[in-house]
C-alpha atoms as a PDB file:
ATOM      1  CA  GLU A   1       2.526  -6.279 -17.921  1.00  0.00           C
ATOM      2  CA  PHE A   2       1.775  -8.319 -21.484  1.00  0.00           C
ATOM      3  CA  LEU A   3      -2.227  -8.150 -21.285  1.00  0.00           C
ATOM      4  CA  SER A   4      -2.141  -3.980 -21.044  1.00  0.00           C
ATOM      5  CA  SER A   5      -1.724  -4.108 -25.027  1.00  0.00           C
ATOM      6  CA  MET A   6      -5.491  -5.600 -24.885  1.00  0.00           C
ATOM      7  CA  PRO A   7      -7.737  -3.072 -25.590  1.00  0.00           C
ATOM      8  CA  ASN A   8     -10.859  -2.372 -23.579  1.00  0.00           C
ATOM      9  CA  ILE A   9      -9.229  -5.071 -20.943  1.00  0.00           C
ATOM     10  CA  THR A  10      -9.610  -4.176 -17.241  1.00  0.00           C
ATOM     11  CA  ILE A  11      -6.825  -5.995 -14.924  1.00  0.00           C
ATOM     12  CA  LEU A  12      -7.494  -5.894 -11.364  1.00  0.00           C
ATOM     13  CA  SER A  13      -4.901  -7.118  -8.440  1.00  0.00           C
ATOM     14  CA  PRO A  14      -6.577  -7.772  -5.051  1.00  0.00           C
ATOM     15  CA  ARG A  15      -4.399  -7.261  -2.188  1.00  0.00           C
ATOM     16  CA  ASP A  16      -6.327  -9.167  -0.308  1.00  0.00           C
ATOM     17  CA  ARG A  17      -9.161 -12.832   0.123  1.00  0.00           C
ATOM     18  CA  ILE A  18     -11.967 -10.339   0.724  1.00  0.00           C
ATOM     19  CA  GLU A  19     -11.478  -8.343  -2.120  1.00  0.00           C
ATOM     20  CA  LEU A  20     -10.320 -11.492  -4.592  1.00  0.00           C
ATOM     21  CA  LYS A  21     -13.813 -12.314  -4.354  1.00  0.00           C
ATOM     22  CA  LYS A  22     -15.248  -8.704  -4.598  1.00  0.00           C
ATOM     23  CA  MET A  23     -13.045  -8.679  -8.301  1.00  0.00           C
ATOM     24  CA  MET A  24     -14.634 -11.987  -8.886  1.00  0.00           C
ATOM     25  CA  LYS A  25     -17.993 -11.028  -8.597  1.00  0.00           C
ATOM     26  CA  TYR A  26     -17.091  -7.920 -10.138  1.00  0.00           C
ATOM     27  CA  ALA A  27     -15.909  -9.891 -13.262  1.00  0.00           C
ATOM     28  CA  SER A  28     -18.666 -12.224 -13.339  1.00  0.00           C
ATOM     29  CA  THR A  29     -20.617  -9.711 -14.224  1.00  0.00           C
ATOM     30  CA  ALA A  30     -18.678  -7.348 -16.815  1.00  0.00           C
ATOM     31  CA  ASN A  31     -19.050  -6.467 -20.654  1.00  0.00           C
ATOM     32  CA  SER A  32     -15.706  -6.548 -21.243  1.00  0.00           C
ATOM     33  CA  PRO A  33     -12.845  -8.708 -21.138  1.00  0.00           C
ATOM     34  CA  VAL A  34     -11.066  -8.384 -17.546  1.00  0.00           C
ATOM     35  CA  ALA A  35      -8.639 -10.561 -15.379  1.00  0.00           C
ATOM     36  CA  ILE A  36      -7.252 -10.239 -11.513  1.00  0.00           C
ATOM     37  CA  ARG A  37      -3.585 -10.922 -10.967  1.00  0.00           C
ATOM     38  CA  ILE A  38      -3.434 -13.485  -8.408  1.00  0.00           C
ATOM     39  CA  PRO A  39      -0.096 -13.158  -6.157  1.00  0.00           C
ATOM     40  CA  LYS A  40       1.869 -16.787  -5.578  1.00  0.00           C
ATOM     41  CA  GLY A  41       1.367 -18.098  -2.037  1.00  0.00           C
ATOM     42  CA  PHE A  42      -0.180 -16.977   0.377  1.00  0.00           C
ATOM     43  CA  ALA A  43      -2.207 -13.708   1.246  1.00  0.00           C
ATOM     44  CA  PRO A  44      -4.161 -12.167   4.100  1.00  0.00           C
ATOM     45  CA  GLU A  45      -7.849 -12.605   4.149  1.00  0.00           C
ATOM     46  CA  ASN A  46      -8.543  -9.237   5.637  1.00  0.00           C
ATOM     47  CA  ILE A  47      -4.935  -7.080   5.186  1.00  0.00           C
ATOM     48  CA  LEU A  48      -6.299  -3.891   6.971  1.00  0.00           C
ATOM     49  CA  GLN A  49      -6.838  -6.393  10.308  1.00  0.00           C
ATOM     50  CA  LYS A  50      -3.432  -7.977   9.182  1.00  0.00           C
ATOM     51  CA  GLU A  51      -5.313 -11.310   9.596  1.00  0.00           C
ATOM     52  CA  LYS A  52      -2.524 -13.397   7.282  1.00  0.00           C
ATOM     53  CA  THR A  53      -3.460 -16.780   7.220  1.00  0.00           C
ATOM     54  CA  GLY A  54      -5.250 -18.484   4.409  1.00  0.00           C
ATOM     55  CA  LEU A  55      -3.915 -19.052   0.551  1.00  0.00           C
ATOM     56  CA  VAL A  56      -4.924 -17.011  -2.531  1.00  0.00           C
ATOM     57  CA  SER A  57      -6.027 -20.129  -4.079  1.00  0.00           C
ATOM     58  CA  ASP A  58      -8.056 -21.296  -1.270  1.00  0.00           C
ATOM     59  CA  PHE A  59     -11.430 -20.854  -2.243  1.00  0.00           C
ATOM     60  CA  SER A  60     -13.800 -23.097   0.135  1.00  0.00           C
ATOM     61  CA  ASN A  61     -17.138 -22.348   0.491  1.00  0.00           C
ATOM     62  CA  LYS A  62     -16.112 -21.443   4.473  1.00  0.00           C
ATOM     63  CA  SER A  63     -14.479 -18.669   2.779  1.00  0.00           C
ATOM     64  CA  PHE A  64     -17.261 -17.146   0.380  1.00  0.00           C
ATOM     65  CA  ASP A  65     -19.653 -17.501   3.042  1.00  0.00           C
ATOM     66  CA  SER A  66     -17.560 -16.247   5.989  1.00  0.00           C
ATOM     67  CA  GLU A  67     -19.262 -12.540   5.634  1.00  0.00           C
ATOM     68  CA  ASN A  68     -22.515 -11.528   4.376  1.00  0.00           C
ATOM     69  CA  GLU A  69     -22.580 -11.798   0.428  1.00  0.00           C
ATOM     70  CA  SER A  70     -25.216  -8.945  -0.326  1.00  0.00           C
ATOM     71  CA  GLU A  71     -22.430  -6.630   1.628  1.00  0.00           C
ATOM     72  CA  ILE A  72     -19.087  -7.527   0.167  1.00  0.00           C
ATOM     73  CA  TRP A  73     -20.340  -7.564  -3.044  1.00  0.00           C
ATOM     74  CA  THR A  74     -23.058  -5.470  -3.764  1.00  0.00           C
ATOM     75  CA  ASN A  75     -22.265  -1.748  -6.076  1.00  0.00           C
ATOM     76  CA  TYR A  76     -18.384  -3.138  -6.553  1.00  0.00           C
ATOM     77  CA  GLN A  77     -16.594  -1.227  -8.246  1.00  0.00           C
ATOM     78  CA  PRO A  78     -12.523  -1.180  -8.191  1.00  0.00           C
ATOM     79  CA  VAL A  79     -11.364   2.482  -8.382  1.00  0.00           C
ATOM     80  CA  PRO A  80      -8.828   3.551  -6.018  1.00  0.00           C
ATOM     81  CA  GLU A  81      -9.444   3.647  -2.085  1.00  0.00           C
ATOM     82  CA  VAL A  82      -7.585   5.236   0.830  1.00  0.00           C
ATOM     83  CA  LEU A  83      -6.279   3.089   3.711  1.00  0.00           C
ATOM     84  CA  ARG A  84      -3.934   5.429   5.019  1.00  0.00           C
ATOM     85  CA  GLU A  85      -4.132   9.532   5.218  1.00  0.00           C
ATOM     86  CA  GLY A  86      -0.527  11.140   5.001  1.00  0.00           C
ATOM     87  CA  THR A  87       0.700  14.553   4.775  1.00  0.00           C
ATOM     88  CA  SER A  88       4.018  13.656   2.572  1.00  0.00           C
ATOM     89  CA  GLY A  89       3.100  12.712  -0.238  1.00  0.00           C
ATOM     90  CA  VAL A  90       1.244   9.523  -1.486  1.00  0.00           C
ATOM     91  CA  ILE A  91       2.232   5.408  -1.946  1.00  0.00           C
ATOM     92  CA  LEU A  92       0.290   4.265  -5.354  1.00  0.00           C
ATOM     93  CA  ALA A  93      -0.114   0.685  -4.616  1.00  0.00           C
ATOM     94  CA  GLU A  94      -1.828  -2.628  -5.656  1.00  0.00           C
ATOM     95  CA  GLY A  95      -2.234  -6.600  -4.896  1.00  0.00           C
ATOM     96  CA  ALA A  96       0.974  -7.872  -3.723  1.00  0.00           C
ATOM     97  CA  THR A  97       2.602  -4.349  -2.975  1.00  0.00           C
ATOM     98  CA  ILE A  98       0.179  -3.485  -0.671  1.00  0.00           C
ATOM     99  CA  GLY A  99       1.567  -4.797   2.291  1.00  0.00           C
ATOM    100  CA  PRO A 100       5.170  -3.373   1.902  1.00  0.00           C
ATOM    101  CA  ALA A 101       3.457  -0.315   1.330  1.00  0.00           C
ATOM    102  CA  LEU A 102       2.021   0.068   4.332  1.00  0.00           C
ATOM    103  CA  GLU A 103       4.167  -1.578   6.483  1.00  0.00           C
ATOM    104  CA  ILE A 104       7.089   0.561   5.496  1.00  0.00           C
ATOM    105  CA  SER A 105       4.591   4.037   5.943  1.00  0.00           C
ATOM    106  CA  GLU A 106       4.286   2.560   9.679  1.00  0.00           C
ATOM    107  CA  ILE A 107       7.844   2.516   9.943  1.00  0.00           C
ATOM    108  CA  LEU A 108       8.385   6.408   8.143  1.00  0.00           C
ATOM    109  CA  ALA A 109       5.531   7.844  10.845  1.00  0.00           C
ATOM    110  CA  LYS A 110       8.092   7.775  13.453  1.00  0.00           C
ATOM    111  CA  GLU A 111      10.502  10.081  11.373  1.00  0.00           C
ATOM    112  CA  LYS A 112       7.709  12.574  11.289  1.00  0.00           C
ATOM    113  CA  ILE A 113       6.582  11.219   7.551  1.00  0.00           C
ATOM    114  CA  GLU A 114       3.524  10.217   6.442  1.00  0.00           C
ATOM    115  CA  LEU A 115       2.536   9.147   3.371  1.00  0.00           C
ATOM    116  CA  GLU A 116      -0.765   8.368   2.210  1.00  0.00           C
ATOM    117  CA  ILE A 117      -1.344   5.253   1.043  1.00  0.00           C
ATOM    118  CA  ILE A 118      -3.821   4.508  -1.759  1.00  0.00           C
ATOM    119  CA  ASP A 119      -4.960   1.386  -3.190  1.00  0.00           C
ATOM    120  CA  ILE A 120      -6.267   1.454  -6.715  1.00  0.00           C
ATOM    121  CA  LYS A 121      -7.087  -1.383  -7.957  1.00  0.00           C
ATOM    122  CA  ALA A 122      -6.556  -1.446 -11.371  1.00  0.00           C
ATOM    123  CA  ILE A 123      -3.646  -1.467 -13.114  1.00  0.00           C
ATOM    124  CA  LYS A 124      -5.529  -0.968 -16.641  1.00  0.00           C
ATOM    125  CA  PRO A 125      -7.563   1.641 -16.831  1.00  0.00           C
ATOM    126  CA  ILE A 126      -5.926   3.791 -15.148  1.00  0.00           C
ATOM    127  CA  ASN A 127      -8.286   5.937 -13.617  1.00  0.00           C
ATOM    128  CA  GLN A 128      -8.237   9.720 -15.024  1.00  0.00           C
ATOM    129  CA  LYS A 129     -10.325  11.636 -12.439  1.00  0.00           C
ATOM    130  CA  TYR A 130      -8.668   9.827  -9.854  1.00  0.00           C
ATOM    131  CA  LEU A 131      -5.141  10.695 -11.033  1.00  0.00           C
ATOM    132  CA  ASP A 132      -5.755  14.275 -11.915  1.00  0.00           C
ATOM    133  CA  GLU A 133      -7.242  14.482  -8.175  1.00  0.00           C
ATOM    134  CA  TRP A 134      -4.155  13.647  -7.263  1.00  0.00           C
ATOM    135  CA  GLN A 135      -1.342  15.720  -9.490  1.00  0.00           C
ATOM    136  CA  LYS A 136      -2.965  18.783  -7.722  1.00  0.00           C
ATOM    137  CA  ARG A 137      -2.759  17.440  -4.269  1.00  0.00           C
ATOM    138  CA  TRP A 138       1.186  16.007  -4.526  1.00  0.00           C
ATOM    139  CA  ASN A 139       4.074  16.538  -5.797  1.00  0.00           C
ATOM    140  CA  ASN A 140       6.052  13.754  -4.261  1.00  0.00           C
ATOM    141  CA  PHE A 141       4.429  10.266  -5.813  1.00  0.00           C
ATOM    142  CA  VAL A 142       6.220   6.713  -4.488  1.00  0.00           C
ATOM    143  CA  ILE A 143       4.694   3.896  -6.881  1.00  0.00           C
ATOM    144  CA  PHE A 144       4.636   0.304  -5.221  1.00  0.00           C
ATOM    145  CA  GLU A 145       5.327  -1.992  -8.856  1.00  0.00           C
ATOM    146  CA  ASN A 146       4.958  -5.292  -8.711  1.00  0.00           C
ATOM    147  CA  GLY A 147       6.898  -5.898 -11.531  1.00  0.00           C
ATOM    148  CA  ASP A 148       9.783  -5.036 -13.596  1.00  0.00           C
ATOM    149  CA  VAL A 149      10.274  -0.847 -13.154  1.00  0.00           C
ATOM    150  CA  TYR A 150      10.351   0.092 -16.579  1.00  0.00           C
ATOM    151  CA  ASN A 151       7.254  -1.881 -18.431  1.00  0.00           C
ATOM    152  CA  GLY A 152       4.276  -2.036 -15.631  1.00  0.00           C
ATOM    153  CA  PHE A 153       1.701   0.919 -14.704  1.00  0.00           C
ATOM    154  CA  GLY A 154       4.022   2.915 -12.660  1.00  0.00           C
ATOM    155  CA  ALA A 155       6.573   3.629 -15.905  1.00  0.00           C
ATOM    156  CA  HIS A 156       2.632   4.872 -17.087  1.00  0.00           C
ATOM    157  CA  ILE A 157       1.274   6.852 -14.353  1.00  0.00           C
ATOM    158  CA  SER A 158       4.352   8.614 -14.419  1.00  0.00           C
ATOM    159  CA  SER A 159       4.709   9.158 -18.095  1.00  0.00           C
ATOM    160  CA  ILE A 160       1.253  11.002 -17.062  1.00  0.00           C
ATOM    161  CA  ILE A 161       2.393  13.135 -13.944  1.00  0.00           C
ATOM    162  CA  SER A 162       6.083  14.058 -15.590  1.00  0.00           C
ATOM    163  CA  GLN A 163       5.906  17.145 -13.801  1.00  0.00           C
ATOM    164  CA  LYS A 164       5.504  15.785 -10.324  1.00  0.00           C
ATOM    165  CA  ARG A 165       8.680  14.511  -8.678  1.00  0.00           C
ATOM    166  CA  VAL A 166       8.130   9.913  -8.930  1.00  0.00           C
ATOM    167  CA  LYS A 167       9.658   7.182  -7.442  1.00  0.00           C
ATOM    168  CA  ILE A 168       9.073   3.828  -8.451  1.00  0.00           C
ATOM    169  CA  VAL A 169       9.659   1.217  -6.305  1.00  0.00           C
ATOM    170  CA  GLY A 170       9.839  -2.255  -7.919  1.00  0.00           C
ATOM    171  CA  TRP A 171      11.961  -5.341  -9.218  1.00  0.00           C
ATOM    172  CA  PRO A 172      15.300  -4.644 -11.937  1.00  0.00           C
ATOM    173  CA  ASP A 173      14.969  -5.069 -15.200  1.00  0.00           C
ATOM    174  CA  LYS A 174      16.991  -7.801 -15.064  1.00  0.00           C
ATOM    175  CA  PHE A 175      17.313 -11.654 -14.932  1.00  0.00           C
ATOM    176  CA  ILE A 176      16.357 -12.885 -11.154  1.00  0.00           C
ATOM    177  CA  LYS A 177      17.245 -15.930  -9.594  1.00  0.00           C
ATOM    178  CA  ASN A 178      15.315 -18.549  -7.934  1.00  0.00           C
ATOM    179  CA  GLY A 179      14.715 -18.155  -4.154  1.00  0.00           C
ATOM    180  CA  THR A 180      12.876 -17.458  -1.908  1.00  0.00           C
ATOM    181  CA  LEU A 181      10.732 -14.237  -2.243  1.00  0.00           C
ATOM    182  CA  GLU A 182      12.788 -12.584   0.899  1.00  0.00           C
ATOM    183  CA  ILE A 183      16.170 -13.530   0.005  1.00  0.00           C
ATOM    184  CA  LEU A 184      15.642 -11.688  -3.813  1.00  0.00           C
ATOM    185  CA  LYS A 185      13.864  -9.101  -2.256  1.00  0.00           C
ATOM    186  CA  GLU A 186      16.811  -8.699  -0.031  1.00  0.00           C
ATOM    187  CA  LYS A 187      19.170  -9.100  -2.976  1.00  0.00           C
ATOM    188  CA  ASN A 188      17.611  -6.773  -5.470  1.00  0.00           C
ATOM    189  CA  GLY A 189      16.817  -3.531  -3.059  1.00  0.00           C
ATOM    190  CA  LEU A 190      13.530  -4.063  -2.543  1.00  0.00           C
ATOM    191  CA  SER A 191      14.097  -5.216   1.251  1.00  0.00           C
ATOM    192  CA  THR A 192      11.685  -3.633   3.884  1.00  0.00           C
ATOM    193  CA  ASP A 193      14.818  -1.444   5.837  1.00  0.00           C
ATOM    194  CA  PHE A 194      16.394  -0.371   2.056  1.00  0.00           C
ATOM    195  CA  LEU A 195      12.838   0.357   0.734  1.00  0.00           C
ATOM    196  CA  ALA A 196      12.283   2.383   3.827  1.00  0.00           C
ATOM    197  CA  LYS A 197      15.351   4.707   3.571  1.00  0.00           C
ATOM    198  CA  SER A 198      14.952   4.994   0.154  1.00  0.00           C
ATOM    199  CA  ILE A 199      11.935   7.043   0.666  1.00  0.00           C
ATOM    200  CA  ALA A 200      12.717   8.678   3.465  1.00  0.00           C
ATOM    201  CA  ASP A 201      15.631  10.370   1.370  1.00  0.00           C
ATOM    202  CA  PHE A 202      13.403  10.335  -1.747  1.00  0.00           C
ATOM    203  CA  ILE A 203      10.626  12.563   0.766  1.00  0.00           C
ATOM    204  CA  HIS A 204      13.522  14.641   2.421  1.00  0.00           C
ATOM    205  CA  ASN A 205      15.224  15.323  -1.187  1.00  0.00           C
ATOM    206  CA  SER A 206      12.040  17.766  -2.014  1.00  0.00           C
ATOM    207  CA  PHE A 207      13.269  20.127   0.607  1.00  0.00           C
ATOM    208  CA  LEU A 208      16.004  21.089  -0.412  1.00  0.00           C
ATOM    209  CA  PRO A 209      16.707  24.044  -2.532  1.00  0.00           C
END
């Protein structure tokens, strides 16, 4: 996250096109710099409804008028949002990692591992109020990093909650070869099945003496 060193900047990461619209409006009225991290390729209109069509870069008039603007944009603040409640631990995710986090949580639920999913929305600044609340509630944190595991918001959060059990999920610190996203995830330990098993082991180990 090369922009993270810029003072007083807000870095946002939308999970779908609806959130992107809200964030663009928020950025247009902000009094300080705002960067929006837009993922490459396709993105859902509303990931919570599992609508899988639409390019992130498709800013047609129809797309913007598809919902009541006042309802979408009035008083929007990019604060963390609980997308799924759980009791076994919490996944902090953002942007393009929200979909995989939700999918994995459904897989693990079948194994009686109920993970809460939180869309943090803002990579910077980290909302300290929410972070304090999460630390009081959770011991097991899984952080989905949409980038290098060592240099993103996951590393920053883990340094703050160092007394908790933290697992950062992200790309390894090495040069990644070209290829489709699915193939690259498979080769770098980021496939859905691999992550589900890895996170299950992480949660199970928290109960060992």
